[in-house]
């Protein structure tokens, strides 16, 4: 019961401790837009402020993702053609991985490093900068299917290795960002009720602790730390529960495209909302899990020859690879819309949100057809980097950088004092800056 309570609370409205600026007159309140004069101190004023990680469960077909040439001036690969117009806004990496185990079960190495289901990159970043926004972090998914939302697949994990729940419905994400007065009253009631339950759990656990052997006490200490994290998030939510919420100026479709075969439609809406979340300063850290099951996609009125998962296990069949690349290109088409919005929107200092945001696109599956988690296709966009290149790493060399070294560079760019991630202990600043 306690675990389900924690999971439902974690999926609730995570609010940062810094309130949005607003004007009050009697009972009325008017939210102000983000303005430079009203912004709090920025620990890294010249660097990006936001981080977004996007991962596909079934990987990316390497031959259609990696350019044949290295450096600048490469020929745009087939899968990335929808973002060809953003060539100077992203960098492609090949040859990077975490030296993690193979197989779907180790997919979460994408953000977790060599040990799947350990403290994920997005949560390491959220632990450092998440409290500066209403939502310390947001976890999203598309393509998973309503009956599979409680499966073992996840993208984000806490320091204790707990998988964080993901929002699947665009309407739920929208309501969390732009909650109504009625919804806020209900949320306040649930949060206060939840806190009273947590108080009882604390009392019972403390009474139990003294009677346990050392190993069990250590386990209970880990549980305490998890409870403290939930309690802290709930405190931030209650602190800002009545603050005015900005008007998004965005109308949702009248349905939620949550069935797996409508994954591409769901992605497009989620990206719209993700751009709004960054524009309104609602969060600074997001992860987006693009699942892949047996769904059969249709493009231009014609169904593909097999389901998504089956196509990823193509066995080098040309027809299956063609259909797989069609799906992956559709994913990138949705990403192109997101990058376009970030490039057009400005932060209070007049910098584009794309420059103010590191967008990491990748996977924990290097080649789904062989169940290999080596050589993970990776792309980094935005963040103020000098882009426009394909950086190829020879992973056979003893001193070859790991994907975690790139992650260290990303964290440092965001102002974190990071010198280690999983089995990586360097950075890639000399190659990528």
Protein backbone atom coordinates (compact mmCIF):
# COMPACT_ATOMS: atom_id res chain seq x y z
CA UNK A 1 0.00 0.00 0.00
CA UNK A 2 2.81 2.40 0.92
CA UNK A 3 4.67 1.69 -2.33
CA UNK A 4 1.55 2.36 -4.42
CA UNK A 5 0.97 5.56 -2.43
CA UNK A 6 4.52 6.74 -3.16
CA UNK A 7 4.14 5.91 -6.85
CA UNK A 8 0.87 7.84 -7.13
CA UNK A 9 2.29 10.80 -5.25
CA UNK A 10 5.38 10.88 -7.44
CA UNK A 11 3.10 11.09 -10.49
CA UNK A 12 1.34 14.10 -8.96
CA UNK A 13 2.08 17.78 -9.32
CA UNK A 14 5.75 18.22 -8.45
CA UNK A 15 6.23 21.94 -7.73
CA UNK A 16 9.48 23.76 -7.12
CA UNK A 17 10.09 25.89 -4.05
CA UNK A 18 10.47 29.12 -6.04
CA UNK A 19 7.09 30.73 -6.68
CA UNK A 20 6.19 32.45 -9.93
CA UNK A 21 5.90 36.23 -9.67
CA UNK A 22 2.35 37.57 -9.65
CA UNK A 23 0.25 40.61 -8.72
CA UNK A 24 -2.51 40.42 -6.12
CA UNK A 25 -5.51 42.69 -5.67
CA UNK A 26 -7.96 41.46 -3.08
CA UNK A 27 -8.99 37.97 -4.07
CA UNK A 28 -7.73 38.32 -7.64
CA UNK A 29 -4.32 37.25 -8.78
CA UNK A 30 -2.64 37.77 -12.15
CA UNK A 31 0.35 35.71 -13.19
CA UNK A 32 3.23 37.63 -14.74
CA UNK A 33 5.24 36.27 -17.64
CA UNK A 34 8.86 35.34 -17.10
CA UNK A 35 10.86 38.59 -17.07
CA UNK A 36 14.57 39.21 -16.62
CA UNK A 37 14.02 41.81 -13.90
CA UNK A 38 12.02 39.33 -11.84
CA UNK A 39 14.22 36.31 -12.41
CA UNK A 40 16.20 34.85 -9.55
CA UNK A 41 19.97 34.42 -9.67
CA UNK A 42 21.23 32.01 -12.31
CA UNK A 43 24.12 29.83 -11.17
CA UNK A 44 25.34 29.55 -14.77
CA UNK A 45 24.14 32.72 -16.56
CA UNK A 46 26.08 32.01 -19.75
CA UNK A 47 25.16 28.35 -20.00
CA UNK A 48 21.97 26.40 -20.67
CA UNK A 49 19.39 26.05 -17.91
CA UNK A 50 17.32 23.08 -19.07
CA UNK A 51 17.84 19.41 -19.90
CA UNK A 52 15.64 17.09 -21.98
CA UNK A 53 16.43 13.40 -22.62
CA UNK A 54 14.59 11.40 -25.30
CA UNK A 55 15.15 7.65 -25.68
CA UNK A 56 13.75 4.96 -27.99
CA UNK A 57 13.28 1.49 -26.53
CA UNK A 58 14.03 -0.28 -29.83
CA UNK A 59 17.07 1.81 -30.69
CA UNK A 60 17.92 3.47 -34.00
CA UNK A 61 19.03 1.60 -37.10
CA UNK A 62 22.69 2.58 -37.14
CA UNK A 63 23.23 2.57 -40.90
CA UNK A 64 20.43 5.12 -41.35
CA UNK A 65 21.34 7.20 -38.28
CA UNK A 66 25.12 7.57 -38.61
CA UNK A 67 26.60 9.67 -41.42
CA UNK A 68 29.19 7.95 -43.59
CA UNK A 69 31.54 10.93 -43.16
CA UNK A 70 32.94 12.35 -39.93
CA UNK A 71 33.40 15.99 -38.97
CA UNK A 72 31.40 18.75 -40.67
CA UNK A 73 29.95 18.69 -44.16
CA UNK A 74 28.68 15.13 -43.85
CA UNK A 75 25.83 13.82 -45.99
CA UNK A 76 22.66 13.83 -43.88
CA UNK A 77 21.64 10.22 -43.08
CA UNK A 78 18.14 9.05 -43.98
CA UNK A 79 16.67 8.90 -40.49
CA UNK A 80 17.78 12.44 -39.64
CA UNK A 81 16.54 14.11 -42.83
CA UNK A 82 13.58 15.79 -41.04
CA UNK A 83 16.08 17.85 -38.97
CA UNK A 84 18.44 18.61 -41.86
CA UNK A 85 17.48 22.28 -41.52
CA UNK A 86 18.90 22.25 -37.98
CA UNK A 87 22.29 20.90 -39.04
CA UNK A 88 24.11 23.67 -37.16
CA UNK A 89 22.06 23.01 -34.01
CA UNK A 90 23.00 19.39 -33.30
CA UNK A 91 25.94 16.99 -33.14
CA UNK A 92 25.87 13.26 -33.93
CA UNK A 93 27.99 10.80 -31.91
CA UNK A 94 28.92 7.27 -32.92
CA UNK A 95 31.02 4.71 -31.06
CA UNK A 96 29.85 5.68 -27.57
CA UNK A 97 28.30 3.35 -25.01
CA UNK A 98 28.52 2.40 -21.33
CA UNK A 99 30.01 -1.11 -21.75
CA UNK A 100 26.70 -2.25 -20.25
CA UNK A 101 25.10 -5.71 -20.47
CA UNK A 102 23.22 -6.63 -23.65
CA UNK A 103 19.51 -7.21 -24.10
CA UNK A 104 16.21 -5.39 -23.64
CA UNK A 105 16.44 -5.90 -19.88
CA UNK A 106 19.44 -3.59 -19.80
CA UNK A 107 17.80 -0.86 -21.92
CA UNK A 108 17.81 1.59 -19.02
CA UNK A 109 21.58 1.86 -19.37
CA UNK A 110 20.71 4.77 -21.71
CA UNK A 111 20.54 7.25 -18.82
CA UNK A 112 21.83 4.99 -16.03
CA UNK A 113 25.26 3.98 -17.31
CA UNK A 114 26.92 0.60 -16.93
CA UNK A 115 24.50 -0.52 -14.19
CA UNK A 116 20.90 -0.44 -15.53
CA UNK A 117 18.21 0.87 -13.19
CA UNK A 118 20.68 2.97 -11.20
CA UNK A 119 20.59 6.74 -10.61
CA UNK A 120 19.72 8.13 -14.06
CA UNK A 121 21.34 11.17 -15.65
CA UNK A 122 18.14 13.21 -15.69
CA UNK A 123 17.60 12.60 -11.97
CA UNK A 124 21.21 13.44 -11.12
CA UNK A 125 20.60 16.77 -12.87
CA UNK A 126 17.16 17.20 -11.29
CA UNK A 127 18.63 16.63 -7.82
CA UNK A 128 20.95 19.58 -8.47
CA UNK A 129 18.73 22.09 -10.29
CA UNK A 130 15.17 20.73 -10.17
CA UNK A 131 14.09 22.66 -7.09
CA UNK A 132 14.39 25.90 -9.05
CA UNK A 133 11.12 25.14 -10.87
CA UNK A 134 7.57 24.01 -10.08
CA UNK A 135 8.32 20.47 -11.22
CA UNK A 136 11.77 19.17 -10.22
CA UNK A 137 11.48 16.75 -13.15
CA UNK A 138 8.86 15.37 -15.51
CA UNK A 139 8.81 11.86 -16.96
CA UNK A 140 6.78 11.17 -20.10
CA UNK A 141 6.14 8.23 -22.42
CA UNK A 142 4.40 7.43 -25.70
CA UNK A 143 3.58 4.15 -27.41
CA UNK A 144 3.44 2.02 -24.31
CA UNK A 145 -0.29 1.22 -24.30
CA UNK A 146 -2.68 1.64 -21.39
CA UNK A 147 -2.30 -1.97 -20.23
CA UNK A 148 1.51 -1.76 -20.14
CA UNK A 149 2.05 1.42 -18.13
CA UNK A 150 3.06 -0.62 -15.06
CA UNK A 151 5.57 -2.78 -16.94
CA UNK A 152 9.22 -3.11 -16.08
CA UNK A 153 10.44 -0.57 -18.63
CA UNK A 154 11.35 2.89 -17.43
CA UNK A 155 13.72 5.71 -18.33
CA UNK A 156 14.25 7.57 -15.04
CA UNK A 157 15.48 6.19 -11.72
CA UNK A 158 16.06 7.79 -8.33
CA UNK A 159 19.29 7.58 -6.35
CA UNK A 160 17.83 4.48 -4.69
CA UNK A 161 17.13 2.84 -8.07
CA UNK A 162 13.37 3.36 -7.90
CA UNK A 163 11.76 3.69 -11.35
CA UNK A 164 9.80 6.92 -11.60
CA UNK A 165 6.29 6.72 -13.08
CA UNK A 166 5.78 8.23 -16.52
CA UNK A 167 2.86 10.30 -17.79
CA UNK A 168 1.29 8.68 -20.82
CA UNK A 169 -1.80 10.79 -21.48
CA UNK A 170 -1.24 14.26 -22.99
CA UNK A 171 -4.38 15.46 -21.19
CA UNK A 172 -2.88 14.47 -17.83
CA UNK A 173 0.36 16.27 -18.65
CA UNK A 174 -1.60 19.35 -19.70
CA UNK A 175 -3.65 19.38 -16.50
CA UNK A 176 -0.51 19.12 -14.40
CA UNK A 177 1.03 22.08 -16.18
CA UNK A 178 -2.12 24.20 -16.30
CA UNK A 179 -4.26 22.90 -13.47
CA UNK A 180 -7.77 24.32 -12.84
CA UNK A 181 -8.98 25.69 -9.49
CA UNK A 182 -11.10 22.59 -8.93
CA UNK A 183 -8.16 20.33 -9.69
CA UNK A 184 -5.94 22.33 -7.35
CA UNK A 185 -8.44 21.99 -4.51
CA UNK A 186 -8.54 18.23 -5.06
CA UNK A 187 -4.73 18.07 -5.26
CA UNK A 188 -4.40 20.01 -2.02
CA UNK A 189 -6.75 17.59 -0.28
CA UNK A 190 -4.86 14.55 -1.60
CA UNK A 191 -1.47 16.02 -0.70
CA UNK A 192 -2.51 16.84 2.85
CA UNK A 193 -4.07 13.38 3.24
CA UNK A 194 -0.90 11.82 1.89
CA UNK A 195 1.28 13.74 4.29
CA UNK A 196 -0.77 12.48 7.24
CA UNK A 197 -0.30 8.91 5.99
CA UNK A 198 3.44 9.49 5.66
CA UNK A 199 3.55 10.73 9.24
CA UNK A 200 2.07 7.39 10.37
CA UNK A 201 4.55 5.46 8.23
CA UNK A 202 7.43 7.40 9.79
CA UNK A 203 6.22 6.57 13.31
CA UNK A 204 5.74 2.86 12.56
CA UNK A 205 9.09 2.58 10.76
CA UNK A 206 11.03 4.25 13.58
CA UNK A 207 9.47 1.92 16.13
CA UNK A 208 10.43 -1.04 13.98
CA UNK A 209 14.00 0.09 13.34
CA UNK A 210 15.36 -0.67 16.79
CA UNK A 211 14.28 -4.33 16.64
CA UNK A 212 15.89 -5.11 13.27
CA UNK A 213 19.29 -6.68 12.47
CA UNK A 214 21.94 -4.44 10.90
CA UNK A 215 21.25 -5.44 7.27
CA UNK A 216 17.54 -4.75 7.63
CA UNK A 217 18.25 -1.42 9.33
CA UNK A 218 20.34 -0.40 6.32
CA UNK A 219 17.45 -1.34 4.06
CA UNK A 220 15.09 0.69 6.21
CA UNK A 221 17.47 3.67 6.03
CA UNK A 222 17.21 3.52 2.24
CA UNK A 223 13.44 3.47 2.62
CA UNK A 224 13.62 6.49 4.93
CA UNK A 225 15.60 8.38 2.32
CA UNK A 226 12.96 7.60 -0.30
CA UNK A 227 10.22 8.79 2.05
CA UNK A 228 12.12 12.01 2.77
CA UNK A 229 12.30 12.64 -0.99
CA UNK A 230 8.54 12.16 -1.36
CA UNK A 231 7.86 14.35 1.67
CA UNK A 232 10.10 17.08 0.26
CA UNK A 233 8.31 17.03 -3.10
CA UNK A 234 4.92 17.13 -1.39
CA UNK A 235 6.05 20.11 0.68
CA UNK A 236 7.00 22.02 -2.46
CA UNK A 237 3.67 21.14 -4.06
CA UNK A 238 1.69 22.44 -1.08
CA UNK A 239 3.84 25.56 -0.91
CA UNK A 240 2.81 26.68 -4.39
CA UNK A 241 -0.58 25.02 -4.74
CA UNK A 242 -2.44 28.35 -4.94
CA UNK A 243 0.01 30.27 -7.10
CA UNK A 244 -1.43 31.51 -10.41
CA UNK A 245 -0.79 29.25 -13.40
CA UNK A 246 0.07 30.86 -16.77
CA UNK A 247 -2.41 30.67 -19.64
CA UNK A 248 -0.84 28.33 -22.22
CA UNK A 249 -2.79 29.59 -25.22
CA UNK A 250 -2.87 25.98 -26.41
CA UNK A 251 -5.88 23.76 -27.10
CA UNK A 252 -5.60 20.01 -26.68
CA UNK A 253 -7.24 17.65 -29.17
CA UNK A 254 -10.53 16.23 -27.94
CA UNK A 255 -9.02 12.77 -27.46
CA UNK A 256 -5.88 11.18 -26.03
CA UNK A 257 -3.92 9.19 -28.67
CA UNK A 258 -2.74 6.57 -26.19
CA UNK A 259 -3.10 3.34 -28.17
CA UNK A 260 0.32 2.11 -29.34
CA UNK A 261 -0.52 2.51 -33.04
CA UNK A 262 -1.14 6.23 -32.41
CA UNK A 263 2.31 6.72 -30.89
CA UNK A 264 3.46 9.27 -33.48
CA UNK A 265 0.35 11.40 -32.91
CA UNK A 266 0.94 11.24 -29.14
CA UNK A 267 4.58 12.28 -29.57
CA UNK A 268 3.64 15.40 -31.53
CA UNK A 269 1.29 16.57 -28.77
CA UNK A 270 3.75 15.72 -26.00
CA UNK A 271 6.46 17.76 -27.73
CA UNK A 272 4.08 20.75 -27.93
CA UNK A 273 3.46 20.49 -24.19
CA UNK A 274 7.15 19.96 -23.44
CA UNK A 275 7.96 23.22 -25.24
CA UNK A 276 5.26 24.97 -23.19
CA UNK A 277 6.65 23.48 -19.97
CA UNK A 278 10.07 24.97 -20.73
CA UNK A 279 8.66 28.28 -21.94
CA UNK A 280 6.63 28.79 -18.76
CA UNK A 281 9.52 27.74 -16.53
CA UNK A 282 7.40 24.91 -15.13
CA UNK A 283 10.36 22.52 -15.18
CA UNK A 284 14.00 22.38 -16.15
CA UNK A 285 14.38 18.60 -16.50
CA UNK A 286 12.32 16.21 -18.64
CA UNK A 287 12.68 12.66 -19.94
CA UNK A 288 10.63 11.19 -22.78
CA UNK A 289 10.49 7.41 -23.30
CA UNK A 290 9.49 6.31 -26.83
CA UNK A 291 8.32 2.76 -26.37
CA UNK A 292 8.11 0.08 -29.04
CA UNK A 293 5.77 -2.90 -28.97
CA UNK A 294 3.91 -4.87 -31.63
CA UNK A 295 1.99 -1.88 -32.97
CA UNK A 296 1.56 -1.74 -36.74
CA UNK A 297 1.90 1.81 -38.02
CA UNK A 298 0.21 3.25 -41.10
CA UNK A 299 1.72 6.07 -43.13
CA UNK A 300 -0.10 7.78 -46.01
CA UNK A 301 -2.95 5.34 -45.53
CA UNK A 302 -0.80 2.24 -45.96
CA UNK A 303 0.05 -0.15 -43.14
CA UNK A 304 3.65 -1.28 -42.74
CA UNK A 305 4.48 -4.93 -43.26
CA UNK A 306 5.04 -5.82 -39.59
CA UNK A 307 4.84 -4.49 -36.04
CA UNK A 308 7.42 -2.07 -34.66
CA UNK A 309 9.12 -4.63 -32.43
CA UNK A 310 9.23 -7.21 -35.22
CA UNK A 311 10.76 -4.69 -37.64
CA UNK A 312 13.51 -3.87 -35.14
CA UNK A 313 14.50 -7.56 -35.28
CA UNK A 314 14.89 -7.36 -39.04
CA UNK A 315 17.70 -9.87 -39.54
CA UNK A 316 19.04 -7.56 -42.29
CA UNK A 317 15.93 -8.04 -44.42
CA UNK A 318 15.86 -4.95 -46.72
CA UNK A 319 12.07 -4.57 -46.72
CA UNK A 320 11.89 -4.73 -42.92
CA UNK A 321 14.76 -2.25 -42.57
CA UNK A 322 12.98 0.12 -44.94
CA UNK A 323 9.82 0.02 -42.81
CA UNK A 324 11.81 0.37 -39.58
CA UNK A 325 13.58 3.47 -40.91
CA UNK A 326 10.15 4.85 -41.90
CA UNK A 327 9.07 4.66 -38.24
CA UNK A 328 12.31 6.12 -36.94
CA UNK A 329 12.14 8.97 -39.46
CA UNK A 330 8.62 9.71 -38.17
CA UNK A 331 10.07 9.98 -34.65
CA UNK A 332 12.62 12.49 -35.94
CA UNK A 333 9.90 14.44 -37.76
CA UNK A 334 8.20 14.96 -34.39
CA UNK A 335 11.53 15.99 -32.88
CA UNK A 336 11.95 18.56 -35.66
CA UNK A 337 8.75 20.28 -34.55
CA UNK A 338 10.06 20.40 -30.98
CA UNK A 339 13.41 21.89 -32.03
CA UNK A 340 11.61 24.44 -34.19
CA UNK A 341 9.50 25.60 -31.26
CA UNK A 342 12.51 25.84 -28.95
CA UNK A 343 14.43 27.83 -31.54
CA UNK A 344 11.54 30.27 -31.99
CA UNK A 345 10.76 30.79 -28.28
CA UNK A 346 12.90 33.12 -26.16
CA UNK A 347 13.86 33.13 -22.50
CA UNK A 348 13.72 36.36 -20.42
CA UNK A 349 17.24 37.30 -21.52
CA UNK A 350 16.29 37.02 -25.19
CA UNK A 351 18.17 33.74 -25.77
CA UNK A 352 16.36 31.02 -27.70
CA UNK A 353 15.06 28.13 -25.64
CA UNK A 354 17.04 25.79 -27.87
CA UNK A 355 20.25 27.53 -26.87
CA UNK A 356 19.02 27.45 -23.27
CA UNK A 357 18.23 23.71 -23.38
CA UNK A 358 20.40 20.62 -23.86
CA UNK A 359 18.37 18.07 -25.82
CA UNK A 360 19.81 14.54 -25.66
CA UNK A 361 18.43 11.97 -28.12
CA UNK A 362 19.58 8.39 -27.81
CA UNK A 363 18.79 4.87 -26.71
CA UNK A 364 20.02 2.02 -24.54
CA UNK A 365 19.79 -0.42 -27.47
CA UNK A 366 22.60 -0.21 -30.01
CA UNK A 367 21.21 -2.87 -32.36
CA UNK A 368 17.86 -4.42 -31.47
CA UNK A 369 18.20 -7.04 -34.19
CA UNK A 370 21.21 -8.50 -32.33
CA UNK A 371 20.13 -7.39 -28.82
CA UNK A 372 23.41 -5.47 -28.62
CA UNK A 373 23.81 -2.48 -26.32
CA UNK A 374 27.11 -1.39 -27.85
CA UNK A 375 27.70 1.69 -30.04
CA UNK A 376 24.59 3.61 -28.98
CA UNK A 377 23.31 6.15 -31.55
CA UNK A 378 23.44 9.52 -29.81
CA UNK A 379 22.57 13.10 -30.76
CA UNK A 380 22.89 16.31 -28.75
CA UNK A 381 21.04 19.47 -29.82
CA UNK A 382 21.00 23.00 -28.44
CA UNK A 383 22.75 23.98 -25.23
CA UNK A 384 24.89 26.68 -26.88
CA UNK A 385 27.40 24.16 -28.25
CA UNK A 386 29.29 24.51 -31.53
CA UNK A 387 27.37 21.93 -33.52
CA UNK A 388 27.23 20.71 -37.11
CA UNK A 389 29.54 17.70 -36.80
CA UNK A 390 29.59 13.93 -36.65
CA UNK A 391 31.99 12.92 -33.88
CA UNK A 392 33.05 9.30 -34.33
CA UNK A 393 34.79 7.44 -31.51
CA UNK A 394 36.81 4.29 -32.05
CA UNK A 395 35.51 2.24 -29.13
CA UNK A 396 38.16 -0.45 -29.71
CA UNK A 397 40.89 1.82 -28.38
CA UNK A 398 41.75 1.37 -24.66
CA UNK A 399 41.44 5.10 -23.98
CA UNK A 400 38.22 5.58 -25.98
CA UNK A 401 35.73 7.85 -24.20
CA UNK A 402 32.52 6.35 -22.85
CA UNK A 403 29.02 7.71 -23.26
CA UNK A 404 29.24 8.63 -19.58
CA UNK A 405 32.12 10.98 -20.41
CA UNK A 406 29.78 12.88 -22.71
CA UNK A 407 27.24 12.97 -19.88
CA UNK A 408 29.86 14.51 -17.59
CA UNK A 409 30.37 17.25 -20.18
CA UNK A 410 26.62 17.87 -20.36
CA UNK A 411 26.34 18.12 -16.57
CA UNK A 412 29.27 20.51 -16.40
CA UNK A 413 27.65 22.63 -19.10
CA UNK A 414 24.58 22.90 -16.87
CA UNK A 415 26.71 24.18 -14.00
CA UNK A 416 27.04 20.93 -12.02
CA UNK A 417 30.33 20.11 -10.36
CA UNK A 418 30.51 16.66 -11.94
CA UNK A 419 33.61 14.56 -12.57
CA UNK A 420 32.11 11.06 -12.64
CA UNK A 421 29.14 9.21 -14.05
CA UNK A 422 28.80 5.45 -13.64
CA UNK A 423 32.05 3.94 -15.01
CA UNK A 424 33.16 7.21 -16.67
CA UNK A 425 35.50 9.66 -14.96
CA UNK A 426 36.55 12.12 -17.66
CA UNK A 427 34.66 14.41 -19.97
CA UNK A 428 34.56 15.12 -23.68
CA UNK A 429 35.11 18.87 -23.51
CA UNK A 430 38.12 18.76 -25.82
CA UNK A 431 36.12 16.98 -28.53
CA UNK A 432 32.79 18.68 -27.90
CA UNK A 433 32.55 22.23 -26.65
